[in-house]
Structure formats: structure tokens, C-alpha cells
Protein backbone atom coordinates (compact mmCIF):
# COMPACT_ATOMS: atom_id res chain seq x y z
CA MET A 1 6.31 -11.72 7.01
CA LYS A 2 7.83 -8.66 5.82
CA GLU A 3 6.75 -4.96 6.43
CA PHE A 4 7.86 -1.63 5.82
CA THR A 5 6.34 2.07 6.35
CA TYR A 6 6.24 4.77 3.86
CA LYS A 7 5.59 8.43 4.37
CA ILE A 8 3.48 9.40 1.53
CA THR A 9 4.60 12.83 -0.10
CA ASP A 10 2.32 13.07 -3.09
CA THR A 11 0.49 16.62 -2.22
CA MET A 12 -2.77 15.24 -3.18
CA GLY A 13 -2.21 11.74 -0.93
CA LEU A 14 -2.96 8.43 -1.61
CA HIS A 15 -6.27 9.70 -4.41
CA ALA A 16 -8.00 7.56 -6.63
CA ARG A 17 -5.49 6.91 -9.30
CA PRO A 18 -2.65 5.80 -7.55
CA ALA A 19 -4.75 4.01 -4.99
CA GLY A 20 -6.36 1.97 -8.05
CA GLU A 21 -2.58 1.34 -9.47
CA PHE A 22 -1.35 0.05 -6.11
CA VAL A 23 -4.27 -2.02 -5.67
CA LYS A 24 -3.51 -3.31 -9.26
CA GLU A 25 -0.20 -4.13 -8.28
CA ALA A 26 -0.81 -5.60 -5.09
CA SER A 27 -3.23 -7.95 -6.38
CA THR A 28 -0.91 -9.54 -9.11
CA TYR A 29 0.60 -11.44 -5.54
CA GLU A 30 -0.42 -14.42 -3.65
CA SER A 31 0.70 -13.04 -0.43
CA ASN A 32 -1.78 -11.67 1.61
CA ILE A 33 -0.93 -7.86 1.89
CA THR A 34 -2.46 -5.05 4.19
CA ILE A 35 -2.14 -1.33 4.43
CA SER A 36 -2.46 0.49 7.45
CA LYS A 37 -2.68 4.15 9.14
CA GLY A 38 -2.78 4.30 12.44
CA GLU A 39 -4.90 1.41 14.06
CA LYS A 40 -7.00 1.04 10.72
CA VAL A 41 -5.68 -2.09 8.99
CA VAL A 42 -7.49 -2.98 5.46
CA ASP A 43 -6.77 -5.20 2.60
CA ALA A 44 -4.41 -3.86 0.15
CA LYS A 45 -6.31 -5.51 -2.98
CA LYS A 46 -9.43 -3.77 -2.18
CA ILE A 47 -9.51 -0.34 -3.61
CA PHE A 48 -12.76 0.97 -1.38
CA SER A 49 -10.92 -0.44 1.42
CA VAL A 50 -7.91 1.64 0.50
CA MET A 51 -9.57 4.77 -0.70
CA GLY A 52 -11.18 4.66 3.18
CA LEU A 53 -8.11 4.84 5.03
CA VAL A 54 -8.17 8.89 3.64
CA VAL A 55 -3.96 9.07 3.60
CA LYS A 56 -3.20 12.35 2.95
CA CYS A 57 0.25 14.16 2.46
CA GLY A 58 2.64 13.74 5.14
CA ASP A 59 0.51 10.40 6.57
CA GLU A 60 2.78 7.30 7.28
CA VAL A 61 1.41 3.57 6.02
CA LYS A 62 2.53 0.48 6.94
CA ILE A 63 2.53 -2.20 4.38
CA THR A 64 2.62 -6.18 5.68
CA LEU A 65 3.40 -8.86 3.45
CA GLU A 66 2.91 -12.47 4.52
CA GLY A 67 2.84 -15.38 1.88
CA THR A 68 4.73 -17.25 -0.81
CA ASP A 69 6.13 -14.30 -2.90
CA GLU A 70 6.38 -11.66 0.12
CA ASP A 71 9.96 -10.78 -0.96
CA LEU A 72 9.14 -9.83 -4.50
CA ALA A 73 6.03 -8.22 -3.71
CA SER A 74 8.17 -6.15 -0.75
CA VAL A 75 10.21 -4.76 -3.27
CA THR A 76 7.99 -3.81 -5.71
CA LEU A 77 5.45 -2.23 -3.80
CA GLN A 78 8.31 -0.01 -2.21
CA LYS A 79 9.43 1.11 -5.45
CA PHE A 80 5.80 1.65 -6.57
CA MET A 81 5.62 3.82 -3.73
CA GLN A 82 8.80 5.80 -4.02
CA GLU A 83 7.73 6.33 -7.69
CA HIS A 84 4.31 7.49 -7.35
CA LEU A 85 3.49 8.24 -3.78
């Protein structure tokens, strides 16, 4: 299992466009991937779940990955978040 945290720096937070791109990227991996804010944990491969977190600028999210390709997925999703959020 891998996990990392990321503080959102985009002034608009995790809004529709980057959330959709994040879900699309997460969906390319076999591993189970979740994203959480506070106590709420959701499937990172489901757009409505990710949008339901209502992540704003300054919020910290935790990404948890578990599966056969978790190492690659972790590196790729961390890079995505740094570049887009």
C-alpha cells in the first residue's frame, strides 16, 4: 500500500476540469485508489465521488493506492497533482 498527501494550491480547488482529468488518470491503473479529505474517503475513479469531496484551495487530500501497479500510479498521480492542482 502506498499513500501520499497533497495540499491543493489551485485557487479554484479541485474543480470539474482537473477532477475529471484526475479521475481519468486514476482509472488507467488496476490498483484500488482512494482520495480522502478529513474523514471522508471516496473512490478516486468516480467523478461524482471526487467532486463530492468539495476540495478547496488550501485543503489537504490523501491519496491511498493498493494493488499491483501502485508504485507507478503513485508517482504518476503525485506528478499530476503538482502540475495541475
